[in-house]
């Protein structure tokens, strides 16, 4: 019986590692996707927060620092993407 339990534990650990690796891979994919889709771009001589290269928010109008806003925008985008599986 101990041999069967050892085999069962081995496969359980293998399955758990596989799930963790898939979860990590998905998180990295979404992080990379947000970095590609949401960034800062120049348009008509001004900087904008952009989605897929399309200017959305003029940086001049912002009260916070751009890196902080960009990080928050990416986080919000990922939350939206995760919620709607888009």
N, C-alpha and C. Protein backbone atom coordinates (compact mmCIF):
# COMPACT_ATOMS: atom_id res chain seq x y z
N UNK A 1 0.81 -1.19 0.00
CA UNK A 1 0.00 0.00 0.00
C UNK A 1 0.86 1.26 0.00
N UNK A 2 1.99 1.20 0.67
CA UNK A 2 2.86 2.38 0.71
C UNK A 2 3.40 2.71 -0.68
N UNK A 3 3.63 1.71 -1.48
CA UNK A 3 4.13 1.94 -2.84
C UNK A 3 3.07 2.67 -3.66
N UNK A 4 1.82 2.24 -3.53
CA UNK A 4 0.74 2.90 -4.26
C UNK A 4 0.57 4.35 -3.80
N UNK A 5 0.70 4.57 -2.52
CA UNK A 5 0.59 5.94 -1.98
C UNK A 5 1.74 6.80 -2.49
N UNK A 6 2.93 6.24 -2.56
CA UNK A 6 4.09 6.96 -3.09
C UNK A 6 3.89 7.33 -4.55
N UNK A 7 3.36 6.40 -5.31
CA UNK A 7 3.09 6.66 -6.73
C UNK A 7 2.03 7.75 -6.87
N UNK A 8 1.01 7.67 -6.05
CA UNK A 8 -0.06 8.68 -6.08
C UNK A 8 0.50 10.06 -5.74
N UNK A 9 1.34 10.13 -4.72
CA UNK A 9 1.95 11.40 -4.33
C UNK A 9 2.85 11.95 -5.43
N UNK A 10 3.59 11.06 -6.09
CA UNK A 10 4.47 11.47 -7.18
C UNK A 10 3.66 12.14 -8.29
N UNK A 11 2.55 11.49 -8.70
CA UNK A 11 1.73 12.04 -9.76
C UNK A 11 1.02 13.32 -9.33
N UNK A 12 0.66 13.40 -8.07
CA UNK A 12 0.03 14.63 -7.56
C UNK A 12 1.02 15.79 -7.63
N UNK A 13 2.26 15.56 -7.22
CA UNK A 13 3.28 16.60 -7.28
C UNK A 13 3.55 17.01 -8.73
N UNK A 14 3.60 16.04 -9.61
CA UNK A 14 3.82 16.30 -11.03
C UNK A 14 2.69 17.16 -11.60
N UNK A 15 1.45 16.82 -11.25
CA UNK A 15 0.29 17.58 -11.71
C UNK A 15 0.31 19.00 -11.15
N UNK A 16 0.64 19.15 -9.87
CA UNK A 16 0.70 20.47 -9.26
C UNK A 16 1.78 21.35 -9.91
N UNK A 17 2.94 20.76 -10.20
CA UNK A 17 4.01 21.50 -10.88
C UNK A 17 3.56 21.95 -12.26
N UNK A 18 2.87 21.07 -12.95
CA UNK A 18 2.38 21.39 -14.29
C UNK A 18 1.37 22.53 -14.25
N UNK A 19 0.47 22.49 -13.30
CA UNK A 19 -0.52 23.57 -13.14
C UNK A 19 0.17 24.89 -12.82
N UNK A 20 1.14 24.86 -11.92
CA UNK A 20 1.86 26.08 -11.55
C UNK A 20 2.61 26.66 -12.75
N UNK A 21 3.21 25.78 -13.55
CA UNK A 21 3.94 26.24 -14.74
C UNK A 21 2.99 26.86 -15.75
N UNK A 22 1.82 26.25 -15.94
CA UNK A 22 0.82 26.81 -16.87
C UNK A 22 0.33 28.17 -16.39
N UNK A 23 0.09 28.27 -15.08
CA UNK A 23 -0.37 29.54 -14.51
C UNK A 23 0.69 30.62 -14.69
N UNK A 24 1.94 30.29 -14.44
CA UNK A 24 3.05 31.24 -14.60
C UNK A 24 3.17 31.66 -16.07
N UNK A 25 3.05 30.72 -16.97
CA UNK A 25 3.15 31.02 -18.39
C UNK A 25 2.02 31.95 -18.83
N UNK A 26 0.81 31.70 -18.34
CA UNK A 26 -0.34 32.56 -18.66
C UNK A 26 -0.13 33.97 -18.10
N UNK A 27 0.37 34.08 -16.89
CA UNK A 27 0.62 35.39 -16.28
C UNK A 27 1.67 36.16 -17.07
N UNK A 28 2.72 35.48 -17.50
CA UNK A 28 3.76 36.13 -18.31
C UNK A 28 3.20 36.56 -19.66
N UNK A 29 2.35 35.73 -20.26
CA UNK A 29 1.74 36.08 -21.54
C UNK A 29 0.89 37.35 -21.40
N UNK A 30 0.05 37.40 -20.36
CA UNK A 30 -0.79 38.58 -20.16
C UNK A 30 0.03 39.82 -19.87
N UNK A 31 1.10 39.67 -19.10
CA UNK A 31 1.97 40.81 -18.81
C UNK A 31 2.60 41.34 -20.10
N UNK A 32 3.10 40.44 -20.93
CA UNK A 32 3.69 40.85 -22.20
C UNK A 32 2.65 41.49 -23.11
N UNK A 33 1.45 40.93 -23.11
CA UNK A 33 0.38 41.48 -23.93
C UNK A 33 0.05 42.91 -23.50
N UNK A 34 -0.03 43.13 -22.20
CA UNK A 34 -0.34 44.48 -21.72
C UNK A 34 0.77 45.45 -22.08
N UNK A 35 2.01 45.00 -22.08
CA UNK A 35 3.13 45.87 -22.45
C UNK A 35 3.11 46.20 -23.93
N UNK A 36 2.64 45.28 -24.76
CA UNK A 36 2.54 45.55 -26.19
C UNK A 36 1.34 46.46 -26.49
N UNK A 37 0.22 46.20 -25.83
CA UNK A 37 -1.02 46.91 -26.15
C UNK A 37 -1.10 48.30 -25.53
N UNK A 38 -0.58 48.48 -24.33
CA UNK A 38 -0.67 49.77 -23.64
C UNK A 38 0.72 50.33 -23.46
N UNK A 39 0.94 51.51 -24.05
CA UNK A 39 2.25 52.15 -23.97
C UNK A 39 2.10 53.64 -24.17
N UNK A 40 3.23 54.33 -24.30
CA UNK A 40 3.25 55.77 -24.56
C UNK A 40 3.69 55.97 -26.00
N UNK A 41 2.98 56.84 -26.71
CA UNK A 41 3.33 57.13 -28.10
C UNK A 41 3.29 58.64 -28.34
N UNK A 42 3.99 59.07 -29.38
CA UNK A 42 4.00 60.48 -29.77
C UNK A 42 3.04 60.67 -30.93
N UNK A 43 2.25 61.74 -30.87
CA UNK A 43 1.31 62.06 -31.94
C UNK A 43 1.18 63.58 -32.00
N UNK A 44 1.43 64.15 -33.16
CA UNK A 44 1.36 65.60 -33.36
C UNK A 44 2.21 66.36 -32.35
N UNK A 45 3.39 65.82 -32.04
CA UNK A 45 4.31 66.51 -31.14
C UNK A 45 3.98 66.40 -29.67
N UNK A 46 3.00 65.58 -29.29
CA UNK A 46 2.64 65.41 -27.88
C UNK A 46 2.69 63.93 -27.52
N UNK A 47 2.89 63.66 -26.24
CA UNK A 47 2.90 62.28 -25.75
C UNK A 47 1.51 61.88 -25.29
N UNK A 48 1.15 60.64 -25.60
CA UNK A 48 -0.14 60.10 -25.22
C UNK A 48 0.03 58.70 -24.65
N UNK A 49 -0.85 58.34 -23.71
CA UNK A 49 -1.02 56.94 -23.34
C UNK A 49 -1.80 56.35 -24.52
N UNK A 50 -1.31 55.24 -25.04
CA UNK A 50 -1.91 54.67 -26.25
C UNK A 50 -2.30 53.21 -26.03
N UNK A 51 -3.33 52.81 -26.75
CA UNK A 51 -3.76 51.42 -26.79
C UNK A 51 -3.56 50.94 -28.21
N UNK A 52 -2.68 49.95 -28.38
CA UNK A 52 -2.33 49.41 -29.69
C UNK A 52 -1.93 50.52 -30.65
N UNK A 53 -1.18 51.50 -30.13
CA UNK A 53 -0.66 52.58 -30.95
C UNK A 53 -1.63 53.71 -31.19
N UNK A 54 -2.85 53.61 -30.68
CA UNK A 54 -3.84 54.66 -30.86
C UNK A 54 -3.84 55.56 -29.63
N UNK A 55 -3.57 56.88 -29.81
CA UNK A 55 -3.51 57.79 -28.66
C UNK A 55 -4.86 57.85 -27.94
N UNK A 56 -4.79 57.79 -26.60
CA UNK A 56 -6.02 57.82 -25.80
C UNK A 56 -6.01 58.99 -24.82
N UNK A 57 -4.97 59.08 -23.99
CA UNK A 57 -4.90 60.10 -22.94
C UNK A 57 -3.66 60.95 -23.17
N UNK A 58 -3.86 62.28 -23.24
CA UNK A 58 -2.73 63.18 -23.41
C UNK A 58 -1.95 63.26 -22.09
N UNK A 59 -0.66 63.02 -22.16
CA UNK A 59 0.18 62.99 -20.97
C UNK A 59 0.21 64.37 -20.30
N UNK A 60 0.16 65.44 -21.08
CA UNK A 60 0.19 66.80 -20.52
C UNK A 60 -0.96 67.04 -19.54
N UNK A 61 -2.07 66.34 -19.73
CA UNK A 61 -3.26 66.55 -18.90
C UNK A 61 -3.23 65.76 -17.59
N UNK A 62 -2.20 65.00 -17.39
CA UNK A 62 -2.15 64.11 -16.23
C UNK A 62 -1.51 64.79 -15.02
N UNK A 63 -1.98 64.44 -13.86
CA UNK A 63 -1.43 64.98 -12.62
C UNK A 63 -0.42 64.04 -11.97
N UNK A 64 -0.39 62.80 -12.39
CA UNK A 64 0.54 61.83 -11.82
C UNK A 64 1.68 61.59 -12.80
N UNK A 65 2.72 60.93 -12.33
CA UNK A 65 3.85 60.62 -13.19
C UNK A 65 3.46 59.54 -14.20
N UNK A 66 3.98 59.68 -15.40
CA UNK A 66 3.61 58.77 -16.50
C UNK A 66 3.90 57.31 -16.18
N UNK A 67 5.08 56.95 -15.63
CA UNK A 67 5.32 55.52 -15.35
C UNK A 67 4.29 54.92 -14.39
N UNK A 68 3.87 55.72 -13.40
CA UNK A 68 2.86 55.23 -12.46
C UNK A 68 1.52 55.03 -13.16
N UNK A 69 1.14 56.00 -13.99
CA UNK A 69 -0.12 55.90 -14.72
C UNK A 69 -0.10 54.73 -15.69
N UNK A 70 1.02 54.56 -16.36
CA UNK A 70 1.15 53.47 -17.32
C UNK A 70 1.04 52.12 -16.62
N UNK A 71 1.71 51.98 -15.48
CA UNK A 71 1.63 50.73 -14.72
C UNK A 71 0.19 50.47 -14.27
N UNK A 72 -0.49 51.51 -13.79
CA UNK A 72 -1.88 51.35 -13.35
C UNK A 72 -2.78 51.02 -14.53
N UNK A 73 -2.55 51.65 -15.67
CA UNK A 73 -3.34 51.37 -16.87
C UNK A 73 -3.18 49.93 -17.30
N UNK A 74 -1.94 49.45 -17.27
CA UNK A 74 -1.70 48.05 -17.64
C UNK A 74 -2.39 47.10 -16.68
N UNK A 75 -2.32 47.41 -15.40
CA UNK A 75 -2.95 46.57 -14.38
C UNK A 75 -4.47 46.52 -14.60
N UNK A 76 -5.07 47.69 -14.85
CA UNK A 76 -6.51 47.75 -15.09
C UNK A 76 -6.88 46.99 -16.37
N UNK A 77 -6.05 47.13 -17.39
CA UNK A 77 -6.29 46.43 -18.65
C UNK A 77 -6.26 44.91 -18.45
N UNK A 78 -5.27 44.43 -17.69
CA UNK A 78 -5.17 42.99 -17.43
C UNK A 78 -6.37 42.50 -16.62
N UNK A 79 -6.81 43.31 -15.67
CA UNK A 79 -7.98 42.92 -14.87
C UNK A 79 -9.21 42.83 -15.76
N UNK A 80 -9.37 43.79 -16.67
CA UNK A 80 -10.48 43.75 -17.61
C UNK A 80 -10.40 42.53 -18.50
N UNK A 81 -9.19 42.28 -19.02
CA UNK A 81 -8.98 41.15 -19.93
C UNK A 81 -9.28 39.82 -19.21
N UNK A 82 -8.84 39.71 -17.98
CA UNK A 82 -9.07 38.49 -17.21
C UNK A 82 -10.57 38.30 -16.90
N UNK A 83 -11.24 39.40 -16.55
CA UNK A 83 -12.66 39.31 -16.20
C UNK A 83 -13.51 38.88 -17.39
N UNK A 84 -13.20 39.41 -18.57
CA UNK A 84 -14.02 39.12 -19.74
C UNK A 84 -13.39 38.08 -20.67
N UNK A 85 -12.27 37.50 -20.27
CA UNK A 85 -11.58 36.49 -21.07
C UNK A 85 -11.40 36.96 -22.51
N UNK A 86 -11.08 38.24 -22.65
CA UNK A 86 -10.93 38.81 -24.01
C UNK A 86 -9.53 38.59 -24.54
